[in-house]
């Protein structure tokens, strides 16, 4: 790797001891590969020394039916009605949010103002965490493409004073060098071009600013992998690091998170499985050094075949339903099996 990278292994609050001393520091791409052991073969994937998660070099799927902005718009048209009551309790708890946002150093806002953008903030759950960390609502901008999600966010009293607006993660309508912190939680999985979104995060940050990306991790269990790839993007840990490096970030860190009742199990993948941070160097004023071509989404946004769109949304939603069942299965497993039993 060109940038110094730290991988932190930690369990969610209440799920046992938090292991911070086990961080891996690697200085080159070869070091990253040699720091992990393979379960399915070194050519395909990398695995942490704790054996808790496979880390693949790349993922590919001919499906990912909801990894498009138009499909995601319709998906959240209905999911927004129950998002805070059904999705968050199973995948994105308050303790997980606190763990995930900790590396972003938002507490600095208690000493000096921080201008923060929350991209793909949806109903404002992550934005509420930013406020609780000490950032003044007047200094927070929440951006999401779903008006239905944003309508929920606007009703939350904690977010009064925040700027809440529709926007595209891959094409942010803000000047270069605008924000001190960029936060995005549970959004990258719907981006047609995740590298472009991360390049945009670099662009809108001020020199010395930090990006914090929280998102899914790719499963290794065969059925979970099939369902995940049919639903949306589940990146590998290596992909997150690669995208951040390519965008120009330095001091890249990856912290693992997960529901406490999973007991560290990651083979089924996690909708919120890691928090990745990177710093825009003080000397790096301006846009990302990575120059990209035309946006891929232009074609998807002009999709005129309504039957095809409906089919993708329905089938993708059915695949996604599997990930409403998994947390319940893991919760029951945690409830019924002795605490001495490891799920890893």
C-alpha atoms as a PDB file:
ATOM      1  CA  UNK A   1       0.000   0.000   0.000  1.00  0.00           C
ATOM      2  CA  UNK A   2       1.124   3.530  -0.645  1.00  0.00           C
ATOM      3  CA  UNK A   3      -0.509   4.786   2.534  1.00  0.00           C
ATOM      4  CA  UNK A   4      -0.081   3.519   6.050  1.00  0.00           C
ATOM      5  CA  UNK A   5      -3.054   1.338   6.924  1.00  0.00           C
ATOM      6  CA  UNK A   6      -4.309   0.097  10.266  1.00  0.00           C
ATOM      7  CA  UNK A   7      -6.829  -2.705  10.694  1.00  0.00           C
ATOM      8  CA  UNK A   8      -8.483  -2.710  14.114  1.00  0.00           C
ATOM      9  CA  UNK A   9     -10.343  -5.774  15.324  1.00  0.00           C
ATOM     10  CA  UNK A  10     -13.047  -4.908  17.823  1.00  0.00           C
ATOM     11  CA  UNK A  11     -16.351  -6.337  18.977  1.00  0.00           C
ATOM     12  CA  UNK A  12     -19.490  -4.322  19.489  1.00  0.00           C
ATOM     13  CA  UNK A  13     -20.159  -2.902  22.954  1.00  0.00           C
ATOM     14  CA  UNK A  14     -21.369  -5.629  25.274  1.00  0.00           C
ATOM     15  CA  UNK A  15     -20.061  -8.409  23.042  1.00  0.00           C
ATOM     16  CA  UNK A  16     -16.944  -9.191  25.030  1.00  0.00           C
ATOM     17  CA  UNK A  17     -13.574  -7.538  25.336  1.00  0.00           C
ATOM     18  CA  UNK A  18     -12.568  -4.982  22.769  1.00  0.00           C
ATOM     19  CA  UNK A  19      -9.236  -5.835  21.227  1.00  0.00           C
ATOM     20  CA  UNK A  20      -7.375  -2.717  20.211  1.00  0.00           C
ATOM     21  CA  UNK A  21      -3.891  -4.028  20.688  1.00  0.00           C
ATOM     22  CA  UNK A  22      -4.347  -6.397  17.777  1.00  0.00           C
ATOM     23  CA  UNK A  23      -4.130  -3.735  15.103  1.00  0.00           C
ATOM     24  CA  UNK A  24      -2.217  -4.662  11.980  1.00  0.00           C
ATOM     25  CA  UNK A  25       0.044  -2.056  10.458  1.00  0.00           C
ATOM     26  CA  UNK A  26       1.108  -2.693   6.911  1.00  0.00           C
ATOM     27  CA  UNK A  27       3.280  -0.666   4.628  1.00  0.00           C
ATOM     28  CA  UNK A  28       2.752  -2.266   1.235  1.00  0.00           C
ATOM     29  CA  UNK A  29       0.134  -4.233  -0.673  1.00  0.00           C
ATOM     30  CA  UNK A  30       2.320  -7.311  -0.320  1.00  0.00           C
ATOM     31  CA  UNK A  31       2.414  -6.775   3.447  1.00  0.00           C
ATOM     32  CA  UNK A  32      -1.391  -6.716   3.543  1.00  0.00           C
ATOM     33  CA  UNK A  33      -1.590 -10.051   1.762  1.00  0.00           C
ATOM     34  CA  UNK A  34       1.040 -11.663   3.951  1.00  0.00           C
ATOM     35  CA  UNK A  35      -0.679 -10.412   7.115  1.00  0.00           C
ATOM     36  CA  UNK A  36      -3.755 -12.566   6.531  1.00  0.00           C
ATOM     37  CA  UNK A  37      -4.396 -16.290   6.112  1.00  0.00           C
ATOM     38  CA  UNK A  38      -6.558 -17.664   3.326  1.00  0.00           C
ATOM     39  CA  UNK A  39      -9.609 -19.857   3.856  1.00  0.00           C
ATOM     40  CA  UNK A  40     -10.566 -20.275   0.224  1.00  0.00           C
ATOM     41  CA  UNK A  41      -7.162 -19.819  -1.358  1.00  0.00           C
ATOM     42  CA  UNK A  42      -4.795 -16.878  -1.488  1.00  0.00           C
ATOM     43  CA  UNK A  43      -5.679 -16.112  -5.052  1.00  0.00           C
ATOM     44  CA  UNK A  44      -9.302 -15.436  -4.124  1.00  0.00           C
ATOM     45  CA  UNK A  45      -9.403 -14.015  -0.638  1.00  0.00           C
ATOM     46  CA  UNK A  46      -7.505 -12.987   2.473  1.00  0.00           C
ATOM     47  CA  UNK A  47      -8.471 -13.858   6.003  1.00  0.00           C
ATOM     48  CA  UNK A  48      -7.682 -12.136   9.310  1.00  0.00           C
ATOM     49  CA  UNK A  49      -5.411 -13.822  11.791  1.00  0.00           C
ATOM     50  CA  UNK A  50      -8.353 -14.128  14.187  1.00  0.00           C
ATOM     51  CA  UNK A  51     -10.252 -16.180  11.605  1.00  0.00           C
ATOM     52  CA  UNK A  52     -13.314 -13.970  12.029  1.00  0.00           C
ATOM     53  CA  UNK A  53     -13.705 -12.660   8.507  1.00  0.00           C
ATOM     54  CA  UNK A  54     -12.562 -13.264   4.984  1.00  0.00           C
ATOM     55  CA  UNK A  55     -11.059 -10.311   3.211  1.00  0.00           C
ATOM     56  CA  UNK A  56     -11.273 -10.668  -0.542  1.00  0.00           C
ATOM     57  CA  UNK A  57      -9.266  -8.710  -3.069  1.00  0.00           C
ATOM     58  CA  UNK A  58     -12.325  -8.093  -5.250  1.00  0.00           C
ATOM     59  CA  UNK A  59     -15.959  -9.059  -5.462  1.00  0.00           C
ATOM     60  CA  UNK A  60     -17.995  -9.431  -8.615  1.00  0.00           C
ATOM     61  CA  UNK A  61     -21.632 -10.244  -9.285  1.00  0.00           C
ATOM     62  CA  UNK A  62     -23.841 -10.110 -12.365  1.00  0.00           C
ATOM     63  CA  UNK A  63     -26.798  -9.183 -10.148  1.00  0.00           C
ATOM     64  CA  UNK A  64     -26.695  -6.596  -7.336  1.00  0.00           C
ATOM     65  CA  UNK A  65     -30.227  -5.707  -8.300  1.00  0.00           C
ATOM     66  CA  UNK A  66     -30.538  -2.720  -5.937  1.00  0.00           C
ATOM     67  CA  UNK A  67     -27.059  -1.274  -6.568  1.00  0.00           C
ATOM     68  CA  UNK A  68     -28.535   1.461  -8.740  1.00  0.00           C
ATOM     69  CA  UNK A  69     -29.895   4.822  -7.685  1.00  0.00           C
ATOM     70  CA  UNK A  70     -33.241   4.381  -9.382  1.00  0.00           C
ATOM     71  CA  UNK A  71     -33.849   0.953  -7.872  1.00  0.00           C
ATOM     72  CA  UNK A  72     -32.620   2.178  -4.483  1.00  0.00           C
ATOM     73  CA  UNK A  73     -35.016   5.144  -4.704  1.00  0.00           C
ATOM     74  CA  UNK A  74     -37.980   2.774  -5.013  1.00  0.00           C
ATOM     75  CA  UNK A  75     -36.561   0.369  -2.447  1.00  0.00           C
ATOM     76  CA  UNK A  76     -36.438   3.140   0.154  1.00  0.00           C
ATOM     77  CA  UNK A  77     -39.787   4.540  -0.937  1.00  0.00           C
ATOM     78  CA  UNK A  78     -41.309   1.772   1.166  1.00  0.00           C
ATOM     79  CA  UNK A  79     -38.486   0.787   3.518  1.00  0.00           C
ATOM     80  CA  UNK A  80     -38.344   4.337   4.922  1.00  0.00           C
ATOM     81  CA  UNK A  81     -41.670   3.655   6.671  1.00  0.00           C
ATOM     82  CA  UNK A  82     -40.089   1.066   8.973  1.00  0.00           C
ATOM     83  CA  UNK A  83     -36.358   1.768   8.656  1.00  0.00           C
ATOM     84  CA  UNK A  84     -35.718   3.093  12.164  1.00  0.00           C
ATOM     85  CA  UNK A  85     -37.889   0.430  13.789  1.00  0.00           C
ATOM     86  CA  UNK A  86     -36.857  -2.712  11.888  1.00  0.00           C
ATOM     87  CA  UNK A  87     -33.559  -2.190  10.043  1.00  0.00           C
ATOM     88  CA  UNK A  88     -31.543  -0.339  12.683  1.00  0.00           C
ATOM     89  CA  UNK A  89     -32.310  -2.668  15.633  1.00  0.00           C
ATOM     90  CA  UNK A  90     -31.023  -5.661  13.664  1.00  0.00           C
ATOM     91  CA  UNK A  91     -28.068  -4.155  11.852  1.00  0.00           C
ATOM     92  CA  UNK A  92     -27.124  -0.683  13.092  1.00  0.00           C
ATOM     93  CA  UNK A  93     -27.525  -0.155  16.819  1.00  0.00           C
ATOM     94  CA  UNK A  94     -26.596   2.919  18.845  1.00  0.00           C
ATOM     95  CA  UNK A  95     -23.567   1.128  20.314  1.00  0.00           C
ATOM     96  CA  UNK A  96     -22.400   0.166  16.821  1.00  0.00           C
ATOM     97  CA  UNK A  97     -22.893   3.739  15.651  1.00  0.00           C
ATOM     98  CA  UNK A  98     -20.760   5.039  18.505  1.00  0.00           C
ATOM     99  CA  UNK A  99     -18.016   2.514  17.738  1.00  0.00           C
ATOM    100  CA  UNK A 100     -18.123   3.283  14.018  1.00  0.00           C
ATOM    101  CA  UNK A 101     -17.953   7.072  14.401  1.00  0.00           C
ATOM    102  CA  UNK A 102     -15.240   7.020  17.058  1.00  0.00           C
ATOM    103  CA  UNK A 103     -12.336   6.933  14.534  1.00  0.00           C
ATOM    104  CA  UNK A 104     -13.693  10.092  12.846  1.00  0.00           C
ATOM    105  CA  UNK A 105     -12.621  12.102  15.901  1.00  0.00           C
ATOM    106  CA  UNK A 106     -15.831  14.103  15.923  1.00  0.00           C
ATOM    107  CA  UNK A 107     -15.282  14.980  19.587  1.00  0.00           C
ATOM    108  CA  UNK A 108     -12.802  17.601  18.380  1.00  0.00           C
ATOM    109  CA  UNK A 109     -15.893  19.706  17.659  1.00  0.00           C
ATOM    110  CA  UNK A 110     -16.199  20.338  21.402  1.00  0.00           C
ATOM    111  CA  UNK A 111     -13.006  22.402  21.205  1.00  0.00           C
ATOM    112  CA  UNK A 112     -13.288  23.923  17.733  1.00  0.00           C
ATOM    113  CA  UNK A 113     -16.125  23.968  15.186  1.00  0.00           C
ATOM    114  CA  UNK A 114     -16.196  21.168  12.641  1.00  0.00           C
ATOM    115  CA  UNK A 115     -18.108  21.414   9.390  1.00  0.00           C
ATOM    116  CA  UNK A 116     -19.494  17.928   8.680  1.00  0.00           C
ATOM    117  CA  UNK A 117     -21.336  16.364   5.743  1.00  0.00           C
ATOM    118  CA  UNK A 118     -23.294  13.134   6.217  1.00  0.00           C
ATOM    119  CA  UNK A 119     -23.772  11.549   2.792  1.00  0.00           C
ATOM    120  CA  UNK A 120     -26.533   8.989   2.414  1.00  0.00           C
ATOM    121  CA  UNK A 121     -27.697   9.867   5.915  1.00  0.00           C
ATOM    122  CA  UNK A 122     -31.259   8.717   5.211  1.00  0.00           C
ATOM    123  CA  UNK A 123     -33.537   9.049   8.229  1.00  0.00           C
ATOM    124  CA  UNK A 124     -30.782  10.791  10.174  1.00  0.00           C
ATOM    125  CA  UNK A 125     -29.715   7.945  12.469  1.00  0.00           C
ATOM    126  CA  UNK A 126     -26.019   8.463  11.740  1.00  0.00           C
ATOM    127  CA  UNK A 127     -26.514  12.229  11.784  1.00  0.00           C
ATOM    128  CA  UNK A 128     -27.942  11.969  15.288  1.00  0.00           C
ATOM    129  CA  UNK A 129     -24.749  10.165  16.289  1.00  0.00           C
ATOM    130  CA  UNK A 130     -22.709  13.041  14.861  1.00  0.00           C
ATOM    131  CA  UNK A 131     -24.700  15.511  16.961  1.00  0.00           C
ATOM    132  CA  UNK A 132     -24.259  13.358  20.071  1.00  0.00           C
ATOM    133  CA  UNK A 133     -20.511  13.264  19.428  1.00  0.00           C
ATOM    134  CA  UNK A 134     -20.421  17.033  19.897  1.00  0.00           C
ATOM    135  CA  UNK A 135     -20.946  18.589  16.476  1.00  0.00           C
ATOM    136  CA  UNK A 136     -23.383  21.504  16.389  1.00  0.00           C
ATOM    137  CA  UNK A 137     -26.416  20.809  14.141  1.00  0.00           C
ATOM    138  CA  UNK A 138     -25.832  24.140  12.416  1.00  0.00           C
ATOM    139  CA  UNK A 139     -22.514  22.761  11.137  1.00  0.00           C
ATOM    140  CA  UNK A 140     -23.971  19.535   9.727  1.00  0.00           C
ATOM    141  CA  UNK A 141     -25.269  18.912   6.208  1.00  0.00           C
ATOM    142  CA  UNK A 142     -27.291  15.732   5.623  1.00  0.00           C
ATOM    143  CA  UNK A 143     -27.500  14.596   1.990  1.00  0.00           C
ATOM    144  CA  UNK A 144     -29.548  11.708   0.606  1.00  0.00           C
ATOM    145  CA  UNK A 145     -31.211  10.899  -2.713  1.00  0.00           C
ATOM    146  CA  UNK A 146     -34.403   9.621  -1.039  1.00  0.00           C
ATOM    147  CA  UNK A 147     -36.956  12.313  -0.190  1.00  0.00           C
ATOM    148  CA  UNK A 148     -38.881   9.712   1.806  1.00  0.00           C
ATOM    149  CA  UNK A 149     -35.899   9.039   4.069  1.00  0.00           C
ATOM    150  CA  UNK A 150     -35.193  12.747   4.440  1.00  0.00           C
ATOM    151  CA  UNK A 151     -38.804  13.407   5.436  1.00  0.00           C
ATOM    152  CA  UNK A 152     -38.189  11.174   8.462  1.00  0.00           C
ATOM    153  CA  UNK A 153     -34.947  12.983   9.289  1.00  0.00           C
ATOM    154  CA  UNK A 154     -36.599  16.400   9.202  1.00  0.00           C
ATOM    155  CA  UNK A 155     -39.021  15.345  11.961  1.00  0.00           C
ATOM    156  CA  UNK A 156     -36.287  14.437  14.449  1.00  0.00           C
ATOM    157  CA  UNK A 157     -35.826  17.122  17.122  1.00  0.00           C
ATOM    158  CA  UNK A 158     -32.101  16.357  17.506  1.00  0.00           C
ATOM    159  CA  UNK A 159     -31.552  17.394  13.887  1.00  0.00           C
ATOM    160  CA  UNK A 160     -33.256  20.770  14.062  1.00  0.00           C
ATOM    161  CA  UNK A 161     -30.750  23.237  12.678  1.00  0.00           C
ATOM    162  CA  UNK A 162     -29.096  20.751  10.310  1.00  0.00           C
ATOM    163  CA  UNK A 163     -29.099  21.440   6.587  1.00  0.00           C
ATOM    164  CA  UNK A 164     -31.090  18.554   5.056  1.00  0.00           C
ATOM    165  CA  UNK A 165     -31.143  18.218   1.292  1.00  0.00           C
ATOM    166  CA  UNK A 166     -31.380  15.800  -1.611  1.00  0.00           C
ATOM    167  CA  UNK A 167     -28.143  14.994  -3.382  1.00  0.00           C
ATOM    168  CA  UNK A 168     -26.037  12.434  -5.237  1.00  0.00           C
ATOM    169  CA  UNK A 169     -23.082  10.841  -3.417  1.00  0.00           C
ATOM    170  CA  UNK A 170     -21.210  10.522  -6.712  1.00  0.00           C
ATOM    171  CA  UNK A 171     -21.817  14.129  -7.706  1.00  0.00           C
ATOM    172  CA  UNK A 172     -21.964  16.360  -4.625  1.00  0.00           C
ATOM    173  CA  UNK A 173     -23.054  19.926  -5.263  1.00  0.00           C
ATOM    174  CA  UNK A 174     -20.502  21.550  -2.964  1.00  0.00           C
ATOM    175  CA  UNK A 175     -17.272  23.419  -3.681  1.00  0.00           C
ATOM    176  CA  UNK A 176     -13.931  21.694  -3.295  1.00  0.00           C
ATOM    177  CA  UNK A 177     -12.303  21.963   0.170  1.00  0.00           C
ATOM    178  CA  UNK A 178     -15.574  22.634   2.034  1.00  0.00           C
ATOM    179  CA  UNK A 179     -15.870  20.202   4.974  1.00  0.00           C
ATOM    180  CA  UNK A 180     -13.721  19.106   7.918  1.00  0.00           C
ATOM    181  CA  UNK A 181     -15.377  15.693   8.109  1.00  0.00           C
ATOM    182  CA  UNK A 182     -17.128  13.493   5.581  1.00  0.00           C
ATOM    183  CA  UNK A 183     -19.329  10.739   7.029  1.00  0.00           C
ATOM    184  CA  UNK A 184     -21.294   8.107   5.123  1.00  0.00           C
ATOM    185  CA  UNK A 185     -23.018   5.190   6.848  1.00  0.00           C
ATOM    186  CA  UNK A 186     -24.849   2.452   4.986  1.00  0.00           C
ATOM    187  CA  UNK A 187     -24.865   4.183   1.621  1.00  0.00           C
ATOM    188  CA  UNK A 188     -21.927   2.882  -0.421  1.00  0.00           C
ATOM    189  CA  UNK A 189     -23.737  -0.403  -1.101  1.00  0.00           C
ATOM    190  CA  UNK A 190     -26.130   1.428  -3.445  1.00  0.00           C
ATOM    191  CA  UNK A 191     -23.512   3.403  -5.368  1.00  0.00           C
ATOM    192  CA  UNK A 192     -23.066   2.198  -8.971  1.00  0.00           C
ATOM    193  CA  UNK A 193     -19.459   3.411  -8.806  1.00  0.00           C
ATOM    194  CA  UNK A 194     -18.135   3.352  -5.214  1.00  0.00           C
ATOM    195  CA  UNK A 195     -14.724   4.602  -6.291  1.00  0.00           C
ATOM    196  CA  UNK A 196     -16.337   7.760  -7.677  1.00  0.00           C
ATOM    197  CA  UNK A 197     -18.190   8.376  -4.431  1.00  0.00           C
ATOM    198  CA  UNK A 198     -14.962   8.101  -2.444  1.00  0.00           C
ATOM    199  CA  UNK A 199     -13.210  10.434  -4.882  1.00  0.00           C
ATOM    200  CA  UNK A 200     -16.024  12.932  -4.249  1.00  0.00           C
ATOM    201  CA  UNK A 201     -15.509  12.603  -0.501  1.00  0.00           C
ATOM    202  CA  UNK A 202     -11.863  13.528  -1.006  1.00  0.00           C
ATOM    203  CA  UNK A 203     -12.765  16.521  -3.156  1.00  0.00           C
ATOM    204  CA  UNK A 204     -15.199  18.160  -0.737  1.00  0.00           C
ATOM    205  CA  UNK A 205     -12.886  17.740   2.258  1.00  0.00           C
ATOM    206  CA  UNK A 206     -10.575  20.512   3.370  1.00  0.00           C
ATOM    207  CA  UNK A 207      -6.846  19.704   3.545  1.00  0.00           C
ATOM    208  CA  UNK A 208      -6.365  17.825   6.809  1.00  0.00           C
ATOM    209  CA  UNK A 209     -10.004  16.697   6.767  1.00  0.00           C
ATOM    210  CA  UNK A 210     -11.099  13.131   7.386  1.00  0.00           C
ATOM    211  CA  UNK A 211     -13.541  10.783   5.638  1.00  0.00           C
ATOM    212  CA  UNK A 212     -15.361   8.056   7.568  1.00  0.00           C
ATOM    213  CA  UNK A 213     -17.119   5.351   5.535  1.00  0.00           C
ATOM    214  CA  UNK A 214     -19.285   2.759   7.301  1.00  0.00           C
ATOM    215  CA  UNK A 215     -20.688  -0.079   5.244  1.00  0.00           C
ATOM    216  CA  UNK A 216     -21.190  -3.791   4.552  1.00  0.00           C
ATOM    217  CA  UNK A 217     -18.590  -6.520   4.417  1.00  0.00           C
ATOM    218  CA  UNK A 218     -18.728  -9.424   1.996  1.00  0.00           C
ATOM    219  CA  UNK A 219     -19.902 -12.820   3.354  1.00  0.00           C
ATOM    220  CA  UNK A 220     -18.084 -16.131   2.965  1.00  0.00           C
ATOM    221  CA  UNK A 221     -20.995 -18.495   3.708  1.00  0.00           C
ATOM    222  CA  UNK A 222     -22.217 -19.770   0.333  1.00  0.00           C
ATOM    223  CA  UNK A 223     -25.919 -18.948   0.762  1.00  0.00           C
ATOM    224  CA  UNK A 224     -25.294 -15.573   2.372  1.00  0.00           C
ATOM    225  CA  UNK A 225     -22.835 -14.723  -0.399  1.00  0.00           C
ATOM    226  CA  UNK A 226     -25.415 -15.571  -3.062  1.00  0.00           C
ATOM    227  CA  UNK A 227     -28.130 -13.465  -1.391  1.00  0.00           C
ATOM    228  CA  UNK A 228     -25.782 -10.562  -0.750  1.00  0.00           C
ATOM    229  CA  UNK A 229     -24.576 -10.486  -4.346  1.00  0.00           C
ATOM    230  CA  UNK A 230     -28.152 -10.657  -5.615  1.00  0.00           C
ATOM    231  CA  UNK A 231     -29.154  -7.726  -3.423  1.00  0.00           C
ATOM    232  CA  UNK A 232     -26.504  -5.014  -3.468  1.00  0.00           C
ATOM    233  CA  UNK A 233     -22.790  -4.290  -3.086  1.00  0.00           C
ATOM    234  CA  UNK A 234     -21.016  -5.982  -0.180  1.00  0.00           C
ATOM    235  CA  UNK A 235     -17.362  -4.906  -0.547  1.00  0.00           C
ATOM    236  CA  UNK A 236     -14.431  -6.780   0.917  1.00  0.00           C
ATOM    237  CA  UNK A 237     -12.205  -5.046   3.436  1.00  0.00           C
ATOM    238  CA  UNK A 238      -9.410  -4.980   0.864  1.00  0.00           C
ATOM    239  CA  UNK A 239     -11.662  -3.159  -1.605  1.00  0.00           C
ATOM    240  CA  UNK A 240     -12.411  -0.382   0.878  1.00  0.00           C
ATOM    241  CA  UNK A 241      -8.703   0.133   1.447  1.00  0.00           C
ATOM    242  CA  UNK A 242      -7.954   0.022  -2.276  1.00  0.00           C
ATOM    243  CA  UNK A 243     -10.614   2.645  -3.054  1.00  0.00           C
ATOM    244  CA  UNK A 244      -9.363   4.971  -0.318  1.00  0.00           C
ATOM    245  CA  UNK A 245      -5.776   4.611  -1.479  1.00  0.00           C
ATOM    246  CA  UNK A 246      -6.672   5.268  -5.099  1.00  0.00           C
ATOM    247  CA  UNK A 247      -8.595   8.421  -4.140  1.00  0.00           C
ATOM    248  CA  UNK A 248      -5.474   9.816  -2.472  1.00  0.00           C
ATOM    249  CA  UNK A 249      -6.205   9.341   1.232  1.00  0.00           C
ATOM    250  CA  UNK A 250      -3.456   8.722   3.766  1.00  0.00           C
ATOM    251  CA  UNK A 251      -3.454   7.277   7.312  1.00  0.00           C
ATOM    252  CA  UNK A 252      -6.149   4.795   6.277  1.00  0.00           C
ATOM    253  CA  UNK A 253      -7.682   2.757   9.099  1.00  0.00           C
ATOM    254  CA  UNK A 254     -10.305   0.015   9.088  1.00  0.00           C
ATOM    255  CA  UNK A 255     -12.229  -0.849  12.239  1.00  0.00           C
ATOM    256  CA  UNK A 256     -14.515  -3.860  12.427  1.00  0.00           C
ATOM    257  CA  UNK A 257     -17.945  -3.495  13.977  1.00  0.00           C
ATOM    258  CA  UNK A 258     -20.979  -5.753  14.345  1.00  0.00           C
ATOM    259  CA  UNK A 259     -24.029  -6.545  16.502  1.00  0.00           C
ATOM    260  CA  UNK A 260     -23.007  -7.854  19.918  1.00  0.00           C
ATOM    261  CA  UNK A 261     -25.215 -10.952  19.617  1.00  0.00           C
ATOM    262  CA  UNK A 262     -23.209 -12.126  16.582  1.00  0.00           C
ATOM    263  CA  UNK A 263     -20.298 -12.869  18.950  1.00  0.00           C
ATOM    264  CA  UNK A 264     -17.819 -11.826  16.301  1.00  0.00           C
ATOM    265  CA  UNK A 265     -19.331 -13.986  13.530  1.00  0.00           C
ATOM    266  CA  UNK A 266     -18.789 -12.414  10.114  1.00  0.00           C
ATOM    267  CA  UNK A 267     -19.243 -15.322   7.696  1.00  0.00           C
ATOM    268  CA  UNK A 268     -22.771 -14.183   6.778  1.00  0.00           C
ATOM    269  CA  UNK A 269     -21.517 -10.712   5.996  1.00  0.00           C
ATOM    270  CA  UNK A 270     -22.720  -7.607   7.791  1.00  0.00           C
ATOM    271  CA  UNK A 271     -24.768  -4.701   6.488  1.00  0.00           C
ATOM    272  CA  UNK A 272     -22.750  -2.535   8.861  1.00  0.00           C
ATOM    273  CA  UNK A 273     -19.464  -4.379   9.227  1.00  0.00           C
ATOM    274  CA  UNK A 274     -16.624  -1.898   9.164  1.00  0.00           C
ATOM    275  CA  UNK A 275     -15.701   1.746   9.580  1.00  0.00           C
ATOM    276  CA  UNK A 276     -12.973   3.016   7.251  1.00  0.00           C
ATOM    277  CA  UNK A 277     -11.269   6.367   7.740  1.00  0.00           C
ATOM    278  CA  UNK A 278      -8.735   8.281   5.682  1.00  0.00           C
ATOM    279  CA  UNK A 279      -7.128  11.712   5.896  1.00  0.00           C
ATOM    280  CA  UNK A 280      -6.703  14.256   3.137  1.00  0.00           C
ATOM    281  CA  UNK A 281      -3.157  15.520   3.591  1.00  0.00           C
ATOM    282  CA  UNK A 282      -2.623  19.144   4.579  1.00  0.00           C
ATOM    283  CA  UNK A 283      -0.567  19.584   1.425  1.00  0.00           C
ATOM    284  CA  UNK A 284      -3.269  18.067  -0.791  1.00  0.00           C
ATOM    285  CA  UNK A 285      -5.578  20.998  -1.433  1.00  0.00           C
ATOM    286  CA  UNK A 286      -7.939  20.393  -4.338  1.00  0.00           C
ATOM    287  CA  UNK A 287      -9.454  17.395  -6.095  1.00  0.00           C
ATOM    288  CA  UNK A 288      -8.428  13.765  -5.919  1.00  0.00           C
ATOM    289  CA  UNK A 289      -5.420  12.744  -8.000  1.00  0.00           C
ATOM    290  CA  UNK A 290      -7.604   9.981  -9.448  1.00  0.00           C
ATOM    291  CA  UNK A 291      -9.436  11.190 -12.543  1.00  0.00           C
ATOM    292  CA  UNK A 292     -12.494   9.236 -13.604  1.00  0.00           C
ATOM    293  CA  UNK A 293     -14.544   9.219 -16.788  1.00  0.00           C
ATOM    294  CA  UNK A 294     -18.265   9.633 -17.325  1.00  0.00           C
ATOM    295  CA  UNK A 295     -20.624   8.607 -14.536  1.00  0.00           C
ATOM    296  CA  UNK A 296     -22.058   5.112 -14.971  1.00  0.00           C
ATOM    297  CA  UNK A 297     -25.388   6.118 -13.514  1.00  0.00           C
ATOM    298  CA  UNK A 298     -26.480   8.283 -16.443  1.00  0.00           C
ATOM    299  CA  UNK A 299     -27.849   5.198 -18.199  1.00  0.00           C
ATOM    300  CA  UNK A 300     -29.539   3.784 -15.109  1.00  0.00           C
ATOM    301  CA  UNK A 301     -31.334   7.028 -14.380  1.00  0.00           C
ATOM    302  CA  UNK A 302     -32.857   7.021 -17.860  1.00  0.00           C
ATOM    303  CA  UNK A 303     -34.163   3.428 -17.634  1.00  0.00           C
ATOM    304  CA  UNK A 304     -37.508   3.392 -19.484  1.00  0.00           C
ATOM    305  CA  UNK A 305     -38.367  -0.308 -19.211  1.00  0.00           C
ATOM    306  CA  UNK A 306     -40.719  -0.166 -16.224  1.00  0.00           C
ATOM    307  CA  UNK A 307     -41.205  -3.923 -16.131  1.00  0.00           C
ATOM    308  CA  UNK A 308     -37.464  -4.495 -15.910  1.00  0.00           C
ATOM    309  CA  UNK A 309     -37.194  -1.868 -13.164  1.00  0.00           C
ATOM    310  CA  UNK A 310     -40.053  -3.465 -11.212  1.00  0.00           C
ATOM    311  CA  UNK A 311     -38.529  -6.922 -11.581  1.00  0.00           C
ATOM    312  CA  UNK A 312     -35.161  -5.724 -10.283  1.00  0.00           C
ATOM    313  CA  UNK A 313     -36.733  -3.987  -7.289  1.00  0.00           C
ATOM    314  CA  UNK A 314     -38.923  -6.978  -6.367  1.00  0.00           C
ATOM    315  CA  UNK A 315     -36.222  -9.629  -6.775  1.00  0.00           C
ATOM    316  CA  UNK A 316     -33.627  -7.453  -5.085  1.00  0.00           C
ATOM    317  CA  UNK A 317     -35.978  -6.815  -2.178  1.00  0.00           C
ATOM    318  CA  UNK A 318     -36.609 -10.557  -1.806  1.00  0.00           C
ATOM    319  CA  UNK A 319     -32.862 -11.170  -1.637  1.00  0.00           C
ATOM    320  CA  UNK A 320     -32.577  -8.361   0.882  1.00  0.00           C
ATOM    321  CA  UNK A 321     -35.260  -9.965   3.050  1.00  0.00           C
ATOM    322  CA  UNK A 322     -32.753 -12.727   3.786  1.00  0.00           C
ATOM    323  CA  UNK A 323     -30.784 -10.130   5.737  1.00  0.00           C
ATOM    324  CA  UNK A 324     -33.814  -9.405   7.882  1.00  0.00           C
ATOM    325  CA  UNK A 325     -33.886 -13.085   8.846  1.00  0.00           C
ATOM    326  CA  UNK A 326     -30.160 -13.465   9.610  1.00  0.00           C
ATOM    327  CA  UNK A 327     -30.106 -11.076  12.631  1.00  0.00           C
ATOM    328  CA  UNK A 328     -33.092 -12.937  14.130  1.00  0.00           C
ATOM    329  CA  UNK A 329     -31.343 -16.272  13.550  1.00  0.00           C
ATOM    330  CA  UNK A 330     -28.155 -14.965  15.190  1.00  0.00           C
ATOM    331  CA  UNK A 331     -30.135 -13.478  18.082  1.00  0.00           C
ATOM    332  CA  UNK A 332     -31.833 -16.809  18.772  1.00  0.00           C
ATOM    333  CA  UNK A 333     -28.521 -18.611  18.468  1.00  0.00           C
ATOM    334  CA  UNK A 334     -26.979 -16.209  20.961  1.00  0.00           C
ATOM    335  CA  UNK A 335     -29.955 -16.658  23.295  1.00  0.00           C
ATOM    336  CA  UNK A 336     -29.987 -20.461  23.227  1.00  0.00           C
ATOM    337  CA  UNK A 337     -26.311 -21.396  23.102  1.00  0.00           C
ATOM    338  CA  UNK A 338     -23.935 -21.061  26.083  1.00  0.00           C
ATOM    339  CA  UNK A 339     -21.781 -17.935  26.126  1.00  0.00           C
ATOM    340  CA  UNK A 340     -18.736 -20.188  26.003  1.00  0.00           C
ATOM    341  CA  UNK A 341     -19.639 -21.234  22.443  1.00  0.00           C
ATOM    342  CA  UNK A 342     -17.836 -19.247  19.797  1.00  0.00           C
ATOM    343  CA  UNK A 343     -19.672 -18.244  16.617  1.00  0.00           C
ATOM    344  CA  UNK A 344     -16.455 -17.396  14.798  1.00  0.00           C
END
